[in-house]
Protein backbone atom coordinates (compact mmCIF):
# COMPACT_ATOMS: atom_id res chain seq x y z
CA MET A 1 -7.35 9.98 -6.70
CA ASN A 2 -3.95 9.42 -8.72
CA LYS A 3 -2.40 6.14 -8.89
CA GLU A 4 0.23 7.00 -6.48
CA LYS A 5 -2.21 7.60 -3.84
CA MET A 6 -4.11 4.55 -4.90
CA ILE A 7 -1.02 2.50 -3.94
CA ALA A 8 -0.07 4.39 -0.81
CA ASP A 9 -3.43 3.27 0.37
CA GLU A 10 -3.35 0.01 -0.52
CA LEU A 11 0.42 -0.66 0.90
CA GLN A 12 -1.20 0.71 4.32
CA HIS A 13 -4.16 -1.85 3.78
CA MET A 14 -1.56 -4.46 3.08
CA PHE A 15 0.32 -3.62 6.33
CA LEU A 16 -2.49 -3.29 8.52
CA GLU A 17 -3.58 -7.08 7.27
CA GLY A 18 -0.25 -8.49 7.99
CA LYS A 19 0.59 -8.93 4.32
CA LEU A 20 3.81 -7.05 4.76
CA LYS A 21 5.96 -8.79 6.82
CA GLY A 22 9.52 -7.94 7.49
CA PHE A 23 8.60 -4.23 6.84
CA LYS A 24 8.66 -1.87 9.59
CA GLU A 25 5.56 0.59 10.07
CA GLU A 26 7.93 3.59 10.00
CA TYR A 27 9.09 2.40 6.67
CA ILE A 28 6.03 1.96 5.24
CA ASN A 29 4.52 5.48 6.55
CA PHE A 30 7.56 6.91 4.98
CA ILE A 31 7.22 5.40 1.59
CA THR A 32 3.63 5.91 1.67
CA ARG A 33 3.87 9.60 2.69
CA LYS A 34 6.40 10.10 -0.36
CA LEU A 35 3.84 8.43 -2.84
CA ARG A 36 0.99 10.85 -1.58
CA THR A 37 3.25 14.01 -1.57
CA GLY A 38 4.51 13.13 -5.10
CA ASP A 39 8.09 13.14 -3.68
CA THR A 40 8.57 9.59 -5.49
CA SER A 41 6.47 7.64 -7.99
CA ILE A 42 5.53 4.05 -8.26
CA ASP A 43 7.95 3.66 -11.13
CA GLN A 44 10.96 5.36 -8.82
CA LEU A 45 9.95 3.04 -6.07
CA ILE A 46 10.04 0.00 -8.08
CA GLN A 47 13.58 0.78 -9.34
CA GLU A 48 14.88 1.97 -6.24
CA ASP A 49 13.63 -0.63 -3.71
CA SER A 50 13.96 -4.06 -4.63
CA GLU A 51 12.67 -5.34 -1.44
CA LEU A 52 9.18 -3.39 -1.75
CA LYS A 53 9.07 -4.01 -5.45
CA GLU A 54 7.03 -7.32 -5.41
CA LYS A 55 4.66 -5.88 -2.87
CA VAL A 56 4.12 -2.52 -4.61
CA LEU A 57 3.27 -4.95 -7.89
CA GLU A 58 1.02 -6.70 -5.70
CA ALA A 59 -0.79 -3.66 -4.60
CA SER A 60 -1.05 -2.41 -8.02
CA GLU A 61 -2.70 -5.98 -8.89
CA HIS A 62 -5.25 -5.25 -5.97
CA VAL A 63 -5.91 -1.77 -7.19
CA TRP A 64 -6.36 -2.24 -11.25
CA ASN A 65 -7.79 -5.68 -10.89
CA PRO A 66 -10.27 -5.61 -7.87
CA GLU A 67 -11.70 -9.09 -8.64
CA MET A 68 -8.35 -10.22 -6.71
CA ASN A 69 -10.07 -8.61 -3.69
CA ASP A 70 -12.64 -10.27 -1.76
CA LYS A 71 -15.68 -8.00 -1.62
CA ASN A 72 -15.06 -7.26 2.05
CA HIS A 73 -11.60 -5.78 1.95
CA TYR A 74 -12.10 -3.41 4.49
CA ASN A 75 -13.66 -5.53 6.76
CA LYS A 76 -10.34 -7.33 7.49
CA ILE A 77 -8.89 -4.34 9.26
CA PRO A 78 -9.54 -4.11 12.89
CA GLY A 79 -12.45 -1.73 13.76
CA ASN A 80 -10.38 0.48 15.71
CA LEU A 81 -7.79 1.00 12.92
CA LYS A 82 -9.99 1.46 9.97
CA GLY A 83 -9.51 4.94 8.73
CA MET A 84 -6.17 5.64 10.80
CA HIS A 85 -3.98 5.91 7.58
CA HIS A 86 -5.94 8.79 5.72
């Protein structure tokens, strides 16, 4: 899996966990779709969207430094929502 897809997945998880307050679901879906399809890169996103920059960097930390996540990362997502972002 490429890094854009990994960050897209992490942003979706963060949204479902309530860690992206102030961002609308439609916006997060739009951004993560662009990352998954290759229409934007992590570098472009960080440069173009200063509001989301901090959250993208936080998602990067989660992806590349797994010790920052607790072992039950997916268990924080309500059962009926697990897997919906794929």
